[in-house]
Amino acid sequence: MSFVEFPLWAALPVALLLVAGSVLTLIGSAGLLRLPDFHARMHAPTLGNSLGLTCVLAASLIAAGVHGQRLVLQEILITVLIVTTSPISTILLMQAGIYRKRDLAKNAPQSGSDTNTNPQ
């Protein structure tokens, strides 16, 4: 394995993108733990992790381009797939949560009815 020294014009954006991507992913993951309910918890990881992953993949794209003197299409494909599938899966999970909440509300006993009376 040979070590290639990156020029400063390439190393600086790669380092900044990696740090930014890591911070955004950490913020999105912390939002998953800290937000109060299911629907609020879905937004932070989707937005934070998608943007964080995009930053990390952009850093990888720059590093691979400088190292190999060519454009690497794997990073572009990964970015496109993650950015398109993450919101779709979030929408499906949110709809499932809405349907479950609706079913639980429909099957819950009425607050005005007295269920403890025993008519004999």
C-alpha atoms as a PDB file:
ATOM      1  CA  MET A   1       0.000   0.000   0.000  1.00  0.00           C
ATOM      2  CA  SER A   2       1.504   3.293  -1.010  1.00  0.00           C
ATOM      3  CA  PHE A   3       0.889   6.499   0.871  1.00  0.00           C
ATOM      4  CA  VAL A   4      -0.011   9.523  -1.187  1.00  0.00           C
ATOM      5  CA  GLU A   5       0.342  12.973   0.277  1.00  0.00           C
ATOM      6  CA  PHE A   6      -2.679  15.054  -0.415  1.00  0.00           C
ATOM      7  CA  PRO A   7      -2.211  18.646  -1.430  1.00  0.00           C
ATOM      8  CA  LEU A   8      -3.532  21.208   1.027  1.00  0.00           C
ATOM      9  CA  TRP A   9      -6.268  22.338  -1.365  1.00  0.00           C
ATOM     10  CA  ALA A  10      -7.693  18.783  -1.256  1.00  0.00           C
ATOM     11  CA  ALA A  11      -6.931  17.822   2.354  1.00  0.00           C
ATOM     12  CA  LEU A  12      -8.649  20.844   3.870  1.00  0.00           C
ATOM     13  CA  PRO A  13     -12.089  20.350   2.228  1.00  0.00           C
ATOM     14  CA  VAL A  14     -11.923  16.601   2.882  1.00  0.00           C
ATOM     15  CA  ALA A  15     -11.204  17.182   6.576  1.00  0.00           C
ATOM     16  CA  LEU A  16     -13.905  19.845   6.889  1.00  0.00           C
ATOM     17  CA  LEU A  17     -16.486  17.667   5.139  1.00  0.00           C
ATOM     18  CA  LEU A  18     -15.639  14.679   7.342  1.00  0.00           C
ATOM     19  CA  VAL A  19     -15.954  16.730  10.527  1.00  0.00           C
ATOM     20  CA  ALA A  20     -19.190  18.363   9.330  1.00  0.00           C
ATOM     21  CA  GLY A  21     -20.648  14.998   8.309  1.00  0.00           C
ATOM     22  CA  SER A  22     -19.729  13.462  11.640  1.00  0.00           C
ATOM     23  CA  VAL A  23     -21.253  16.343  13.609  1.00  0.00           C
ATOM     24  CA  LEU A  24     -24.460  16.290  11.551  1.00  0.00           C
ATOM     25  CA  THR A  25     -24.814  12.538  11.984  1.00  0.00           C
ATOM     26  CA  LEU A  26     -24.201  12.845  15.716  1.00  0.00           C
ATOM     27  CA  ILE A  27     -26.825  15.595  16.014  1.00  0.00           C
ATOM     28  CA  GLY A  28     -29.330  13.469  14.070  1.00  0.00           C
ATOM     29  CA  SER A  29     -28.662  10.479  16.293  1.00  0.00           C
ATOM     30  CA  ALA A  30     -28.954  12.582  19.444  1.00  0.00           C
ATOM     31  CA  GLY A  31     -32.301  13.859  18.159  1.00  0.00           C
ATOM     32  CA  LEU A  32     -33.477  10.276  17.942  1.00  0.00           C
ATOM     33  CA  LEU A  33     -32.854   9.864  21.653  1.00  0.00           C
ATOM     34  CA  ARG A  34     -33.996  13.265  22.896  1.00  0.00           C
ATOM     35  CA  LEU A  35     -37.157  14.094  21.010  1.00  0.00           C
ATOM     36  CA  PRO A  36     -40.427  13.289  22.809  1.00  0.00           C
ATOM     37  CA  ASP A  37     -42.541  11.151  20.471  1.00  0.00           C
ATOM     38  CA  PHE A  38     -42.275   8.887  17.453  1.00  0.00           C
ATOM     39  CA  HIS A  39     -43.213  11.463  14.838  1.00  0.00           C
ATOM     40  CA  ALA A  40     -40.714  14.037  16.095  1.00  0.00           C
ATOM     41  CA  ARG A  41     -38.025  11.370  16.337  1.00  0.00           C
ATOM     42  CA  MET A  42     -38.338  10.551  12.660  1.00  0.00           C
ATOM     43  CA  HIS A  43     -37.214  13.972  11.429  1.00  0.00           C
ATOM     44  CA  ALA A  44     -33.860  14.377  13.163  1.00  0.00           C
ATOM     45  CA  PRO A  45     -32.211  11.131  12.008  1.00  0.00           C
ATOM     46  CA  THR A  46     -33.545  11.419   8.488  1.00  0.00           C
ATOM     47  CA  LEU A  47     -32.356  14.958   7.910  1.00  0.00           C
ATOM     48  CA  GLY A  48     -29.193  14.832   9.995  1.00  0.00           C
ATOM     49  CA  ASN A  49     -27.981  11.452   8.879  1.00  0.00           C
ATOM     50  CA  SER A  50     -28.774  12.041   5.208  1.00  0.00           C
ATOM     51  CA  LEU A  51     -26.915  15.338   5.167  1.00  0.00           C
ATOM     52  CA  GLY A  52     -24.075  13.879   7.255  1.00  0.00           C
ATOM     53  CA  LEU A  53     -23.738  10.943   4.905  1.00  0.00           C
ATOM     54  CA  THR A  54     -23.736  13.296   1.939  1.00  0.00           C
ATOM     55  CA  CYS A  55     -20.849  15.245   3.479  1.00  0.00           C
ATOM     56  CA  VAL A  56     -18.851  12.079   4.178  1.00  0.00           C
ATOM     57  CA  LEU A  57     -19.446  10.771   0.669  1.00  0.00           C
ATOM     58  CA  ALA A  58     -18.483  14.143  -0.828  1.00  0.00           C
ATOM     59  CA  ALA A  59     -15.220  13.960   1.133  1.00  0.00           C
ATOM     60  CA  SER A  60     -14.677  10.448  -0.174  1.00  0.00           C
ATOM     61  CA  LEU A  61     -15.403  11.635  -3.699  1.00  0.00           C
ATOM     62  CA  ILE A  62     -12.828  14.415  -3.442  1.00  0.00           C
ATOM     63  CA  ALA A  63     -10.228  12.118  -1.872  1.00  0.00           C
ATOM     64  CA  ALA A  64     -10.727   9.399  -4.476  1.00  0.00           C
ATOM     65  CA  GLY A  65     -10.605  11.939  -7.275  1.00  0.00           C
ATOM     66  CA  VAL A  66      -7.338  13.440  -6.052  1.00  0.00           C
ATOM     67  CA  HIS A  67      -5.788  10.074  -5.306  1.00  0.00           C
ATOM     68  CA  GLY A  68      -6.782   8.375  -8.540  1.00  0.00           C
ATOM     69  CA  GLN A  69      -6.994  11.438 -10.775  1.00  0.00           C
ATOM     70  CA  ARG A  70     -10.436  10.259 -11.855  1.00  0.00           C
ATOM     71  CA  LEU A  71     -14.083  10.535 -10.878  1.00  0.00           C
ATOM     72  CA  VAL A  72     -15.375   7.631  -8.799  1.00  0.00           C
ATOM     73  CA  LEU A  73     -19.001   6.787  -9.527  1.00  0.00           C
ATOM     74  CA  GLN A  74     -19.608   4.554  -6.496  1.00  0.00           C
ATOM     75  CA  GLU A  75     -19.848   7.549  -4.169  1.00  0.00           C
ATOM     76  CA  ILE A  76     -22.288   9.287  -6.474  1.00  0.00           C
ATOM     77  CA  LEU A  77     -24.446   6.161  -6.693  1.00  0.00           C
ATOM     78  CA  ILE A  78     -24.414   5.674  -2.900  1.00  0.00           C
ATOM     79  CA  THR A  79     -25.389   9.315  -2.360  1.00  0.00           C
ATOM     80  CA  VAL A  80     -28.261   9.130  -4.840  1.00  0.00           C
ATOM     81  CA  LEU A  81     -29.585   5.888  -3.349  1.00  0.00           C
ATOM     82  CA  ILE A  82     -29.398   7.079   0.263  1.00  0.00           C
ATOM     83  CA  VAL A  83     -30.876  10.495  -0.458  1.00  0.00           C
ATOM     84  CA  THR A  84     -33.803   8.923  -2.322  1.00  0.00           C
ATOM     85  CA  THR A  85     -34.508   5.922  -0.066  1.00  0.00           C
ATOM     86  CA  SER A  86     -34.169   7.587   3.333  1.00  0.00           C
ATOM     87  CA  PRO A  87     -37.115   9.991   2.917  1.00  0.00           C
ATOM     88  CA  ILE A  88     -39.259   7.255   1.371  1.00  0.00           C
ATOM     89  CA  SER A  89     -38.658   4.885   4.289  1.00  0.00           C
ATOM     90  CA  THR A  90     -39.361   7.735   6.710  1.00  0.00           C
ATOM     91  CA  ILE A  91     -42.666   8.485   4.999  1.00  0.00           C
ATOM     92  CA  LEU A  92     -43.677   4.833   5.208  1.00  0.00           C
ATOM     93  CA  LEU A  93     -42.762   4.635   8.913  1.00  0.00           C
ATOM     94  CA  MET A  94     -44.658   7.853   9.634  1.00  0.00           C
ATOM     95  CA  GLN A  95     -47.769   6.542   7.852  1.00  0.00           C
ATOM     96  CA  ALA A  96     -47.554   3.295   9.811  1.00  0.00           C
ATOM     97  CA  GLY A  97     -47.327   5.319  13.033  1.00  0.00           C
ATOM     98  CA  ILE A  98     -50.348   7.396  12.041  1.00  0.00           C
ATOM     99  CA  TYR A  99     -52.408   4.297  11.251  1.00  0.00           C
ATOM    100  CA  ARG A 100     -51.380   2.650  14.508  1.00  0.00           C
ATOM    101  CA  LYS A 101     -52.266   5.761  16.500  1.00  0.00           C
ATOM    102  CA  ARG A 102     -55.646   5.915  14.739  1.00  0.00           C
ATOM    103  CA  ASP A 103     -56.357   2.239  15.483  1.00  0.00           C
ATOM    104  CA  LEU A 104     -55.385   2.650  19.144  1.00  0.00           C
ATOM    105  CA  ALA A 105     -57.653   5.689  19.462  1.00  0.00           C
ATOM    106  CA  LYS A 106     -60.531   3.832  17.801  1.00  0.00           C
ATOM    107  CA  ASN A 107     -60.214   0.800  20.105  1.00  0.00           C
ATOM    108  CA  ALA A 108     -59.730   2.802  23.313  1.00  0.00           C
ATOM    109  CA  PRO A 109     -62.665   2.875  25.746  1.00  0.00           C
ATOM    110  CA  GLN A 110     -64.724   6.049  25.816  1.00  0.00           C
ATOM    111  CA  SER A 111     -63.829   8.392  28.667  1.00  0.00           C
ATOM    112  CA  GLY A 112     -67.479   9.120  29.508  1.00  0.00           C
ATOM    113  CA  SER A 113     -68.602   5.504  29.793  1.00  0.00           C
ATOM    114  CA  ASP A 114     -68.521   3.723  33.107  1.00  0.00           C
ATOM    115  CA  THR A 115     -66.914   0.341  32.556  1.00  0.00           C
ATOM    116  CA  ASN A 116     -66.696  -0.624  36.235  1.00  0.00           C
ATOM    117  CA  THR A 117     -70.431  -0.982  36.825  1.00  0.00           C
ATOM    118  CA  ASN A 118     -71.764  -4.486  37.027  1.00  0.00           C
ATOM    119  CA  PRO A 119     -75.409  -4.626  35.909  1.00  0.00           C
ATOM    120  CA  GLN A 120     -76.996  -7.582  37.691  1.00  0.00           C
END
